[in-house]
């Protein structure tokens, strides 16, 4: 019974973080933070499901490795954009500019 409660909490958190990702798109940093929150919630759900089915945790560690790589790539893109443009607003980025 407790596992289902945890899954419902993770599902509510996933929906809330997805709403933040969709509706708060003014800053690149907020977008990256909400994406990382989604990844951490998926990791928690996967960990609970693997624990419930008595599987090994190898896939969760692989997922965690890929999510860390995704986070570092997003952070490096953020740093590069702040160095070139001076801020992280999406309105100041010109798509046609090289």
N, C-alpha and C. Protein backbone atom coordinates (compact mmCIF):
# COMPACT_ATOMS: atom_id res chain seq x y z
N UNK A 1 0.81 -1.19 0.00
CA UNK A 1 0.00 0.00 0.00
C UNK A 1 0.86 1.26 0.00
N UNK A 2 1.97 1.21 0.70
CA UNK A 2 2.86 2.37 0.78
C UNK A 2 3.53 2.63 -0.56
N UNK A 3 3.79 1.58 -1.32
CA UNK A 3 4.42 1.76 -2.63
C UNK A 3 3.50 2.53 -3.57
N UNK A 4 2.22 2.23 -3.52
CA UNK A 4 1.28 2.94 -4.38
C UNK A 4 1.16 4.40 -3.98
N UNK A 5 1.25 4.69 -2.68
CA UNK A 5 1.22 6.07 -2.23
C UNK A 5 2.45 6.82 -2.73
N UNK A 6 3.61 6.18 -2.68
CA UNK A 6 4.83 6.80 -3.20
C UNK A 6 4.74 7.05 -4.69
N UNK A 7 4.16 6.09 -5.42
CA UNK A 7 4.02 6.29 -6.86
C UNK A 7 3.06 7.42 -7.18
N UNK A 8 1.99 7.57 -6.40
CA UNK A 8 1.07 8.68 -6.61
C UNK A 8 1.74 10.01 -6.32
N UNK A 9 2.55 10.06 -5.29
CA UNK A 9 3.28 11.30 -4.97
C UNK A 9 4.24 11.64 -6.09
N UNK A 10 4.97 10.65 -6.59
CA UNK A 10 5.88 10.88 -7.71
C UNK A 10 5.12 11.31 -8.97
N UNK A 11 3.96 10.75 -9.19
CA UNK A 11 3.17 11.13 -10.36
C UNK A 11 2.68 12.57 -10.25
N UNK A 12 2.25 12.98 -9.07
CA UNK A 12 1.83 14.37 -8.88
C UNK A 12 3.01 15.31 -9.05
N UNK A 13 4.16 14.96 -8.50
CA UNK A 13 5.35 15.78 -8.67
C UNK A 13 5.77 15.86 -10.13
N UNK A 14 5.64 14.75 -10.86
CA UNK A 14 5.98 14.74 -12.27
C UNK A 14 5.07 15.68 -13.06
N UNK A 15 3.78 15.65 -12.78
CA UNK A 15 2.84 16.52 -13.48
C UNK A 15 3.11 17.98 -13.15
N UNK A 16 3.40 18.28 -11.88
CA UNK A 16 3.69 19.66 -11.50
C UNK A 16 4.98 20.17 -12.14
N UNK A 17 6.01 19.35 -12.18
CA UNK A 17 7.25 19.79 -12.81
C UNK A 17 7.10 19.90 -14.32
N UNK A 18 6.26 19.07 -14.91
CA UNK A 18 5.98 19.20 -16.34
C UNK A 18 5.23 20.50 -16.63
N UNK A 19 4.32 20.87 -15.74
CA UNK A 19 3.62 22.15 -15.91
C UNK A 19 4.57 23.33 -15.77
N UNK A 20 5.51 23.25 -14.84
CA UNK A 20 6.52 24.31 -14.71
C UNK A 20 7.36 24.40 -15.98
N UNK A 21 7.71 23.25 -16.55
CA UNK A 21 8.50 23.24 -17.77
C UNK A 21 7.73 23.86 -18.94
N UNK A 22 6.43 23.59 -19.01
CA UNK A 22 5.64 24.10 -20.13
C UNK A 22 5.33 25.59 -19.98
N UNK A 23 4.95 26.02 -18.79
CA UNK A 23 4.45 27.38 -18.62
C UNK A 23 5.52 28.40 -18.23
N UNK A 24 6.66 27.98 -17.74
CA UNK A 24 7.70 28.91 -17.34
C UNK A 24 8.87 28.79 -18.30
N UNK A 25 8.76 29.48 -19.42
CA UNK A 25 9.80 29.36 -20.44
C UNK A 25 10.46 30.70 -20.73
N UNK A 26 10.56 31.54 -19.70
CA UNK A 26 11.21 32.83 -19.90
C UNK A 26 12.73 32.72 -19.76
N UNK A 27 13.18 31.95 -18.80
CA UNK A 27 14.61 31.79 -18.55
C UNK A 27 15.05 30.38 -18.91
N UNK A 28 16.26 30.28 -19.44
CA UNK A 28 16.83 28.97 -19.77
C UNK A 28 17.17 28.20 -18.50
N UNK A 29 17.59 28.89 -17.46
CA UNK A 29 17.96 28.21 -16.22
C UNK A 29 16.76 27.54 -15.57
N UNK A 30 15.61 28.19 -15.57
CA UNK A 30 14.40 27.58 -15.00
C UNK A 30 13.97 26.36 -15.82
N UNK A 31 14.15 26.43 -17.12
CA UNK A 31 13.84 25.29 -17.98
C UNK A 31 14.74 24.11 -17.66
N UNK A 32 16.03 24.37 -17.49
CA UNK A 32 16.97 23.29 -17.17
C UNK A 32 16.70 22.70 -15.78
N UNK A 33 16.33 23.54 -14.82
CA UNK A 33 16.03 23.04 -13.48
C UNK A 33 14.79 22.17 -13.49
N UNK A 34 13.78 22.57 -14.24
CA UNK A 34 12.56 21.75 -14.30
C UNK A 34 12.83 20.44 -15.04
N UNK A 35 13.69 20.46 -16.05
CA UNK A 35 14.05 19.20 -16.72
C UNK A 35 14.80 18.27 -15.78
N UNK A 36 15.68 18.81 -14.95
CA UNK A 36 16.39 17.98 -13.99
C UNK A 36 15.45 17.42 -12.93
N UNK A 37 14.45 18.20 -12.56
CA UNK A 37 13.45 17.70 -11.61
C UNK A 37 12.66 16.54 -12.22
N UNK A 38 12.31 16.65 -13.49
CA UNK A 38 11.61 15.56 -14.17
C UNK A 38 12.47 14.31 -14.21
N UNK A 39 13.75 14.48 -14.49
CA UNK A 39 14.66 13.33 -14.55
C UNK A 39 14.79 12.67 -13.18
N UNK A 40 14.89 13.46 -12.12
CA UNK A 40 15.01 12.89 -10.78
C UNK A 40 13.74 12.17 -10.35
N UNK A 41 12.59 12.69 -10.75
CA UNK A 41 11.33 12.02 -10.42
C UNK A 41 11.22 10.70 -11.17
N UNK A 42 11.62 10.69 -12.43
CA UNK A 42 11.60 9.43 -13.18
C UNK A 42 12.57 8.43 -12.57
N UNK A 43 13.72 8.92 -12.09
CA UNK A 43 14.67 8.03 -11.43
C UNK A 43 14.08 7.43 -10.16
N UNK A 44 13.39 8.24 -9.36
CA UNK A 44 12.76 7.73 -8.15
C UNK A 44 11.68 6.71 -8.44
N UNK A 45 10.88 6.98 -9.46
CA UNK A 45 9.83 6.02 -9.84
C UNK A 45 10.44 4.71 -10.34
N UNK A 46 11.52 4.82 -11.11
CA UNK A 46 12.17 3.61 -11.61
C UNK A 46 12.78 2.82 -10.45
N UNK A 47 13.35 3.51 -9.48
CA UNK A 47 13.95 2.83 -8.34
C UNK A 47 12.89 2.10 -7.52
N UNK A 48 11.74 2.73 -7.31
CA UNK A 48 10.66 2.09 -6.56
C UNK A 48 10.12 0.88 -7.33
N UNK A 49 9.94 1.03 -8.63
CA UNK A 49 9.42 -0.10 -9.43
C UNK A 49 10.41 -1.26 -9.48
N UNK A 50 11.70 -0.96 -9.62
CA UNK A 50 12.69 -2.03 -9.62
C UNK A 50 12.78 -2.70 -8.26
N UNK A 51 12.62 -1.94 -7.20
CA UNK A 51 12.63 -2.52 -5.86
C UNK A 51 11.40 -3.39 -5.63
N UNK A 52 10.25 -2.95 -6.14
CA UNK A 52 9.02 -3.70 -5.96
C UNK A 52 9.05 -5.03 -6.71
N UNK A 53 9.70 -5.06 -7.87
CA UNK A 53 9.74 -6.29 -8.67
C UNK A 53 10.99 -7.12 -8.41
N UNK A 54 11.80 -6.74 -7.43
CA UNK A 54 13.01 -7.46 -7.03
C UNK A 54 14.01 -7.61 -8.17
N UNK A 55 14.17 -6.57 -8.97
CA UNK A 55 15.18 -6.56 -10.02
C UNK A 55 16.45 -5.91 -9.49
N UNK A 56 17.52 -6.02 -10.29
CA UNK A 56 18.76 -5.37 -9.90
C UNK A 56 18.69 -3.88 -10.22
N UNK A 57 19.58 -3.11 -9.63
CA UNK A 57 19.56 -1.66 -9.79
C UNK A 57 20.54 -1.18 -10.86
N UNK A 58 20.97 -2.08 -11.74
CA UNK A 58 21.93 -1.70 -12.77
C UNK A 58 21.33 -0.68 -13.73
N UNK A 59 20.08 -0.86 -14.11
CA UNK A 59 19.45 0.06 -15.06
C UNK A 59 19.24 1.44 -14.45
N UNK A 60 18.97 1.49 -13.16
CA UNK A 60 18.80 2.79 -12.51
C UNK A 60 20.13 3.54 -12.45
N UNK A 61 21.23 2.83 -12.24
CA UNK A 61 22.53 3.48 -12.23
C UNK A 61 22.92 3.95 -13.63
N UNK A 62 22.55 3.18 -14.64
CA UNK A 62 22.81 3.60 -16.01
C UNK A 62 21.99 4.84 -16.35
N UNK A 63 20.73 4.87 -15.93
CA UNK A 63 19.88 6.03 -16.15
C UNK A 63 20.43 7.25 -15.43
N UNK A 64 20.91 7.06 -14.22
CA UNK A 64 21.48 8.16 -13.45
C UNK A 64 22.74 8.70 -14.12
N UNK A 65 23.55 7.84 -14.71
CA UNK A 65 24.74 8.28 -15.43
C UNK A 65 24.37 9.12 -16.64
N UNK A 66 23.37 8.68 -17.40
CA UNK A 66 22.95 9.45 -18.57
C UNK A 66 22.31 10.77 -18.16
N UNK A 67 21.61 10.81 -17.05
CA UNK A 67 20.99 12.06 -16.61
C UNK A 67 22.05 13.05 -16.13
N UNK A 68 23.13 12.57 -15.54
CA UNK A 68 24.22 13.47 -15.14
C UNK A 68 24.90 14.04 -16.38
N UNK A 69 25.08 13.21 -17.40
CA UNK A 69 25.65 13.71 -18.65
C UNK A 69 24.74 14.75 -19.30
N UNK A 70 23.44 14.53 -19.25
CA UNK A 70 22.47 15.49 -19.80
C UNK A 70 22.50 16.79 -19.02
N UNK A 71 22.63 16.71 -17.71
CA UNK A 71 22.69 17.91 -16.89
C UNK A 71 23.94 18.72 -17.14
N UNK A 72 25.07 18.06 -17.29
CA UNK A 72 26.31 18.79 -17.55
C UNK A 72 26.30 19.41 -18.94
N UNK A 73 25.69 18.74 -19.91
CA UNK A 73 25.57 19.32 -21.25
C UNK A 73 24.68 20.56 -21.23
N UNK A 74 23.56 20.50 -20.51
CA UNK A 74 22.69 21.67 -20.39
C UNK A 74 23.37 22.82 -19.69
N UNK A 75 24.15 22.52 -18.66
CA UNK A 75 24.87 23.57 -17.94
C UNK A 75 25.94 24.20 -18.82
N UNK A 76 26.63 23.41 -19.63
CA UNK A 76 27.64 23.98 -20.52
C UNK A 76 27.00 24.84 -21.60
N UNK A 77 25.83 24.46 -22.10
CA UNK A 77 25.11 25.30 -23.07
C UNK A 77 24.68 26.60 -22.41
N UNK A 78 24.23 26.52 -21.16
CA UNK A 78 23.84 27.72 -20.43
C UNK A 78 25.02 28.67 -20.25
N UNK A 79 26.16 28.15 -19.88
CA UNK A 79 27.35 28.99 -19.68
C UNK A 79 27.78 29.61 -21.00
N UNK A 80 27.73 28.85 -22.09
CA UNK A 80 28.11 29.39 -23.40
C UNK A 80 27.16 30.49 -23.84
N UNK A 81 25.86 30.31 -23.60
CA UNK A 81 24.90 31.34 -23.99
C UNK A 81 25.04 32.60 -23.14
N UNK A 82 25.33 32.44 -21.86
CA UNK A 82 25.51 33.61 -21.01
C UNK A 82 26.78 34.36 -21.39
N UNK A 83 27.82 33.65 -21.78
CA UNK A 83 29.05 34.32 -22.20
C UNK A 83 28.87 35.08 -23.51
N UNK A 84 28.07 34.52 -24.42
CA UNK A 84 27.92 35.20 -25.71
C UNK A 84 26.85 36.28 -25.68
N UNK A 85 25.74 36.05 -24.96
CA UNK A 85 24.63 36.99 -24.99
C UNK A 85 24.50 37.85 -23.74
N UNK A 86 25.06 37.42 -22.63
CA UNK A 86 25.02 38.21 -21.42
C UNK A 86 23.88 37.88 -20.48
N UNK A 87 22.88 37.13 -20.90
CA UNK A 87 21.77 36.74 -20.03
C UNK A 87 21.18 35.44 -20.53
N UNK A 88 20.14 34.97 -19.83
CA UNK A 88 19.54 33.69 -20.21
C UNK A 88 18.07 33.85 -20.61
N UNK A 89 17.68 35.04 -21.04
CA UNK A 89 16.32 35.24 -21.53
C UNK A 89 16.17 34.63 -22.91
N UNK A 90 15.01 34.01 -23.14
CA UNK A 90 14.77 33.45 -24.45
C UNK A 90 14.41 34.52 -25.48
N UNK A 91 13.94 35.70 -25.03
CA UNK A 91 13.56 36.74 -25.97
C UNK A 91 14.77 37.37 -26.65
N UNK A 92 15.93 37.32 -26.02
CA UNK A 92 17.11 37.98 -26.60
C UNK A 92 17.86 37.10 -27.58
N UNK A 93 17.51 35.82 -27.65
CA UNK A 93 18.21 34.93 -28.57
C UNK A 93 17.64 35.10 -29.98
N UNK A 94 18.52 35.31 -30.94
CA UNK A 94 18.10 35.41 -32.32
C UNK A 94 18.42 34.09 -32.99
N UNK A 95 17.42 33.42 -33.51
CA UNK A 95 17.62 32.10 -34.11
C UNK A 95 18.36 32.22 -35.44
N UNK A 96 18.17 33.32 -36.16
CA UNK A 96 18.78 33.48 -37.47
C UNK A 96 20.25 33.85 -37.39
N UNK A 97 20.70 34.25 -36.22
CA UNK A 97 22.10 34.65 -36.05
C UNK A 97 22.99 33.43 -35.92
N UNK A 98 24.17 33.45 -36.54
CA UNK A 98 25.09 32.32 -36.46
C UNK A 98 25.82 32.28 -35.15
